[in-house]
Amino acid sequence: MSWQKFGIRPELVERVKFKMKNPATKDRIKAQLEGVNKYDLQDRAKVKRLVKSAGRILNEPLTDVQEDQLVNFVIAQKIDPNNTLHLIRLWAMFR
């Protein structure tokens, strides 16, 4: 799994997946990502801000190292949120 290559802990991923099953939490995360485009997801400062706010929404205390790992992962994926194939690939990576 490519997220493990970035040093992201499987326990963190499982906790986040579990918390995202809550419809209220999922809606808050979706609202946070509303209007984000592929250029925003290549900007380190914007991605770091998104990771921090997602951590607060999910009540996941992230260390600086974990934040950097997540930021590096998001930037390396070159995600285009308007491209269905990119979203399917991400979904498959975390199912």
N, C-alpha and C. Protein backbone atom coordinates (compact mmCIF):
# COMPACT_ATOMS: atom_id res chain seq x y z
N MET A 1 0.85 -1.19 0.00
CA MET A 1 0.00 0.00 0.00
C MET A 1 0.87 1.23 0.00
N SER A 2 0.58 2.16 -0.83
CA SER A 2 1.48 3.28 -0.99
C SER A 2 1.50 4.21 0.21
N TRP A 3 0.41 4.29 0.97
CA TRP A 3 0.43 5.19 2.12
C TRP A 3 1.40 4.71 3.18
N GLN A 4 1.66 3.41 3.24
CA GLN A 4 2.62 2.88 4.21
C GLN A 4 4.05 3.27 3.85
N LYS A 5 4.32 3.49 2.58
CA LYS A 5 5.65 3.91 2.15
C LYS A 5 5.99 5.30 2.69
N PHE A 6 4.97 6.06 3.04
CA PHE A 6 5.18 7.40 3.57
C PHE A 6 5.28 7.39 5.09
N GLY A 7 5.23 6.21 5.69
CA GLY A 7 5.38 6.09 7.13
C GLY A 7 4.09 6.31 7.91
N ILE A 8 2.96 6.34 7.21
CA ILE A 8 1.67 6.53 7.87
C ILE A 8 1.29 5.22 8.55
N ARG A 9 0.97 5.30 9.83
CA ARG A 9 0.69 4.11 10.64
C ARG A 9 -0.67 3.50 10.28
N PRO A 10 -0.73 2.18 10.16
CA PRO A 10 -2.01 1.51 9.86
C PRO A 10 -3.07 1.77 10.93
N GLU A 11 -2.64 1.93 12.19
CA GLU A 11 -3.60 2.18 13.26
C GLU A 11 -4.31 3.52 13.05
N LEU A 12 -3.56 4.52 12.61
CA LEU A 12 -4.14 5.83 12.33
C LEU A 12 -5.16 5.72 11.20
N VAL A 13 -4.80 5.02 10.15
CA VAL A 13 -5.70 4.86 9.00
C VAL A 13 -6.98 4.16 9.43
N GLU A 14 -6.87 3.12 10.23
CA GLU A 14 -8.06 2.39 10.69
C GLU A 14 -8.96 3.25 11.58
N ARG A 15 -8.34 4.04 12.46
CA ARG A 15 -9.14 4.93 13.32
C ARG A 15 -9.88 5.97 12.49
N VAL A 16 -9.20 6.54 11.50
CA VAL A 16 -9.82 7.56 10.64
C VAL A 16 -10.94 6.93 9.81
N LYS A 17 -10.71 5.74 9.27
CA LYS A 17 -11.76 5.07 8.50
C LYS A 17 -12.99 4.82 9.36
N PHE A 18 -12.78 4.41 10.60
CA PHE A 18 -13.90 4.15 11.51
C PHE A 18 -14.66 5.45 11.81
N LYS A 19 -13.92 6.52 12.07
CA LYS A 19 -14.56 7.80 12.40
C LYS A 19 -15.29 8.38 11.20
N MET A 20 -14.82 8.11 9.99
CA MET A 20 -15.46 8.63 8.79
C MET A 20 -16.78 7.92 8.49
N LYS A 21 -17.06 6.82 9.17
CA LYS A 21 -18.35 6.14 8.99
C LYS A 21 -19.48 6.90 9.67
N ASN A 22 -19.15 7.81 10.56
CA ASN A 22 -20.15 8.66 11.21
C ASN A 22 -20.60 9.72 10.19
N PRO A 23 -21.90 9.75 9.82
CA PRO A 23 -22.38 10.68 8.80
C PRO A 23 -22.11 12.16 9.13
N ALA A 24 -22.21 12.55 10.39
CA ALA A 24 -21.98 13.95 10.76
C ALA A 24 -20.52 14.33 10.53
N THR A 25 -19.63 13.45 10.92
CA THR A 25 -18.20 13.71 10.73
C THR A 25 -17.87 13.75 9.25
N LYS A 26 -18.41 12.81 8.51
CA LYS A 26 -18.17 12.74 7.07
C LYS A 26 -18.63 14.02 6.39
N ASP A 27 -19.79 14.53 6.80
CA ASP A 27 -20.31 15.77 6.21
C ASP A 27 -19.43 16.97 6.55
N ARG A 28 -18.89 17.00 7.76
CA ARG A 28 -17.98 18.11 8.13
C ARG A 28 -16.71 18.07 7.31
N ILE A 29 -16.18 16.89 7.07
CA ILE A 29 -14.96 16.76 6.24
C ILE A 29 -15.28 17.15 4.80
N LYS A 30 -16.42 16.70 4.29
CA LYS A 30 -16.82 17.05 2.93
C LYS A 30 -16.96 18.56 2.77
N ALA A 31 -17.56 19.21 3.77
CA ALA A 31 -17.73 20.66 3.73
C ALA A 31 -16.38 21.36 3.73
N GLN A 32 -15.43 20.82 4.47
CA GLN A 32 -14.10 21.40 4.53
C GLN A 32 -13.41 21.33 3.16
N LEU A 33 -13.66 20.26 2.43
CA LEU A 33 -13.00 20.05 1.14
C LEU A 33 -13.77 20.65 -0.03
N GLU A 34 -14.90 21.26 0.26
CA GLU A 34 -15.71 21.89 -0.80
C GLU A 34 -14.89 22.96 -1.51
N GLY A 35 -14.81 22.86 -2.82
CA GLY A 35 -14.12 23.87 -3.61
C GLY A 35 -12.62 23.67 -3.73
N VAL A 36 -12.08 22.61 -3.16
CA VAL A 36 -10.64 22.33 -3.26
C VAL A 36 -10.37 21.79 -4.65
N ASN A 37 -9.31 22.28 -5.28
CA ASN A 37 -8.96 21.79 -6.61
C ASN A 37 -7.57 21.17 -6.61
N LYS A 38 -7.15 20.68 -7.77
CA LYS A 38 -5.88 19.95 -7.83
C LYS A 38 -4.69 20.85 -7.53
N TYR A 39 -4.81 22.15 -7.80
CA TYR A 39 -3.70 23.07 -7.50
C TYR A 39 -3.59 23.30 -5.99
N ASP A 40 -4.73 23.34 -5.30
CA ASP A 40 -4.71 23.46 -3.84
C ASP A 40 -4.03 22.25 -3.21
N LEU A 41 -4.25 21.07 -3.80
CA LEU A 41 -3.69 19.84 -3.25
C LEU A 41 -2.22 19.63 -3.63
N GLN A 42 -1.64 20.58 -4.34
CA GLN A 42 -0.21 20.56 -4.62
C GLN A 42 0.52 21.67 -3.86
N ASP A 43 -0.22 22.49 -3.15
CA ASP A 43 0.34 23.59 -2.36
C ASP A 43 0.54 23.09 -0.92
N ARG A 44 1.81 22.98 -0.52
CA ARG A 44 2.15 22.40 0.79
C ARG A 44 1.45 23.12 1.94
N ALA A 45 1.39 24.44 1.91
CA ALA A 45 0.77 25.21 3.00
C ALA A 45 -0.73 24.91 3.09
N LYS A 46 -1.41 24.86 1.96
CA LYS A 46 -2.85 24.58 1.96
C LYS A 46 -3.14 23.15 2.41
N VAL A 47 -2.33 22.22 1.95
CA VAL A 47 -2.53 20.82 2.35
C VAL A 47 -2.29 20.67 3.85
N LYS A 48 -1.27 21.34 4.37
CA LYS A 48 -0.99 21.26 5.81
C LYS A 48 -2.17 21.81 6.61
N ARG A 49 -2.74 22.92 6.14
CA ARG A 49 -3.91 23.50 6.80
C ARG A 49 -5.09 22.54 6.76
N LEU A 50 -5.31 21.89 5.62
CA LEU A 50 -6.40 20.92 5.50
C LEU A 50 -6.18 19.72 6.42
N VAL A 51 -4.95 19.24 6.50
CA VAL A 51 -4.65 18.09 7.37
C VAL A 51 -4.89 18.45 8.84
N LYS A 52 -4.44 19.64 9.23
CA LYS A 52 -4.64 20.06 10.63
C LYS A 52 -6.12 20.19 10.96
N SER A 53 -6.89 20.81 10.08
CA SER A 53 -8.31 20.99 10.38
C SER A 53 -9.05 19.65 10.34
N ALA A 54 -8.65 18.75 9.45
CA ALA A 54 -9.27 17.41 9.42
C ALA A 54 -8.94 16.66 10.72
N GLY A 55 -7.73 16.83 11.21
CA GLY A 55 -7.35 16.20 12.47
C GLY A 55 -8.20 16.70 13.62
N ARG A 56 -8.50 18.00 13.62
CA ARG A 56 -9.37 18.57 14.66
C ARG A 56 -10.79 18.04 14.54
N ILE A 57 -11.30 17.99 13.32
CA ILE A 57 -12.67 17.49 13.10
C ILE A 57 -12.78 16.04 13.56
N LEU A 58 -11.76 15.25 13.26
CA LEU A 58 -11.77 13.83 13.60
C LEU A 58 -11.31 13.57 15.03
N ASN A 59 -10.92 14.62 15.72
CA ASN A 59 -10.42 14.50 17.09
C ASN A 59 -9.22 13.55 17.15
N GLU A 60 -8.33 13.70 16.17
CA GLU A 60 -7.11 12.91 16.08
C GLU A 60 -5.92 13.84 16.33
N PRO A 61 -5.27 13.71 17.48
CA PRO A 61 -4.09 14.54 17.73
C PRO A 61 -2.93 14.06 16.85
N LEU A 62 -2.51 14.89 15.92
CA LEU A 62 -1.44 14.52 15.00
C LEU A 62 -0.14 15.20 15.43
N THR A 63 0.94 14.44 15.43
CA THR A 63 2.24 15.02 15.72
C THR A 63 2.72 15.75 14.46
N ASP A 64 3.76 16.55 14.61
CA ASP A 64 4.32 17.25 13.45
C ASP A 64 4.82 16.26 12.40
N VAL A 65 5.39 15.16 12.85
CA VAL A 65 5.89 14.14 11.93
C VAL A 65 4.73 13.52 11.15
N GLN A 66 3.64 13.19 11.85
CA GLN A 66 2.48 12.61 11.18
C GLN A 66 1.89 13.59 10.18
N GLU A 67 1.81 14.87 10.55
CA GLU A 67 1.30 15.87 9.62
C GLU A 67 2.15 15.94 8.37
N ASP A 68 3.47 15.95 8.55
CA ASP A 68 4.36 16.01 7.40
C ASP A 68 4.22 14.77 6.52
N GLN A 69 4.06 13.60 7.14
CA GLN A 69 3.87 12.37 6.37
C GLN A 69 2.59 12.45 5.54
N LEU A 70 1.52 12.94 6.15
CA LEU A 70 0.24 13.05 5.44
C LEU A 70 0.32 14.08 4.32
N VAL A 71 0.98 15.20 4.58
CA VAL A 71 1.14 16.24 3.56
C VAL A 71 1.94 15.69 2.39
N ASN A 72 3.04 15.02 2.68
CA ASN A 72 3.87 14.44 1.61
C ASN A 72 3.08 13.41 0.81
N PHE A 73 2.26 12.61 1.49
CA PHE A 73 1.44 11.62 0.79
C PHE A 73 0.46 12.28 -0.16
N VAL A 74 -0.26 13.29 0.33
CA VAL A 74 -1.27 13.96 -0.50
C VAL A 74 -0.62 14.60 -1.73
N ILE A 75 0.50 15.28 -1.52
CA ILE A 75 1.18 15.94 -2.63
C ILE A 75 1.69 14.91 -3.64
N ALA A 76 2.23 13.80 -3.17
CA ALA A 76 2.78 12.78 -4.07
C ALA A 76 1.70 12.11 -4.91
N GLN A 77 0.45 12.06 -4.41
CA GLN A 77 -0.63 11.39 -5.15
C GLN A 77 -1.11 12.20 -6.34
N LYS A 78 -0.81 13.49 -6.38
CA LYS A 78 -1.25 14.38 -7.48
C LYS A 78 -2.74 14.21 -7.75
N ILE A 79 -3.51 14.38 -6.69
CA ILE A 79 -4.95 14.15 -6.73
C ILE A 79 -5.67 15.29 -7.44
N ASP A 80 -6.55 14.94 -8.35
CA ASP A 80 -7.47 15.90 -8.95
C ASP A 80 -8.86 15.51 -8.47
N PRO A 81 -9.44 16.31 -7.54
CA PRO A 81 -10.74 15.93 -6.97
C PRO A 81 -11.87 15.91 -7.99
N ASN A 82 -11.65 16.46 -9.18
CA ASN A 82 -12.69 16.45 -10.21
C ASN A 82 -12.52 15.29 -11.17
N ASN A 83 -11.50 14.47 -10.96
CA ASN A 83 -11.24 13.32 -11.82
C ASN A 83 -11.71 12.06 -11.09
N THR A 84 -12.74 11.44 -11.63
CA THR A 84 -13.33 10.27 -11.00
C THR A 84 -12.32 9.13 -10.85
N LEU A 85 -11.44 8.95 -11.81
CA LEU A 85 -10.46 7.87 -11.72
C LEU A 85 -9.51 8.08 -10.55
N HIS A 86 -9.13 9.33 -10.29
CA HIS A 86 -8.27 9.61 -9.13
C HIS A 86 -8.98 9.25 -7.84
N LEU A 87 -10.25 9.59 -7.76
CA LEU A 87 -11.02 9.31 -6.54
C LEU A 87 -11.22 7.81 -6.34
N ILE A 88 -11.45 7.08 -7.43
CA ILE A 88 -11.60 5.63 -7.34
C ILE A 88 -10.29 4.99 -6.87
N ARG A 89 -9.18 5.48 -7.41
CA ARG A 89 -7.88 4.94 -7.01
C ARG A 89 -7.63 5.16 -5.52
N LEU A 90 -7.97 6.34 -5.02
CA LEU A 90 -7.81 6.62 -3.59
C LEU A 90 -8.73 5.74 -2.76
N TRP A 91 -9.96 5.60 -3.20
CA TRP A 91 -10.91 4.78 -2.47
C TRP A 91 -10.39 3.34 -2.37
N ALA A 92 -9.87 2.82 -3.48
CA ALA A 92 -9.35 1.45 -3.50
C ALA A 92 -8.14 1.31 -2.57
N MET A 93 -7.38 2.36 -2.44
CA MET A 93 -6.18 2.32 -1.61
C MET A 93 -6.54 2.18 -0.12
N PHE A 94 -7.68 2.71 0.29
CA PHE A 94 -8.05 2.75 1.71
C PHE A 94 -9.21 1.86 2.08
N ARG A 95 -9.70 1.02 1.17
CA ARG A 95 -10.87 0.21 1.54
C ARG A 95 -10.54 -0.96 2.38
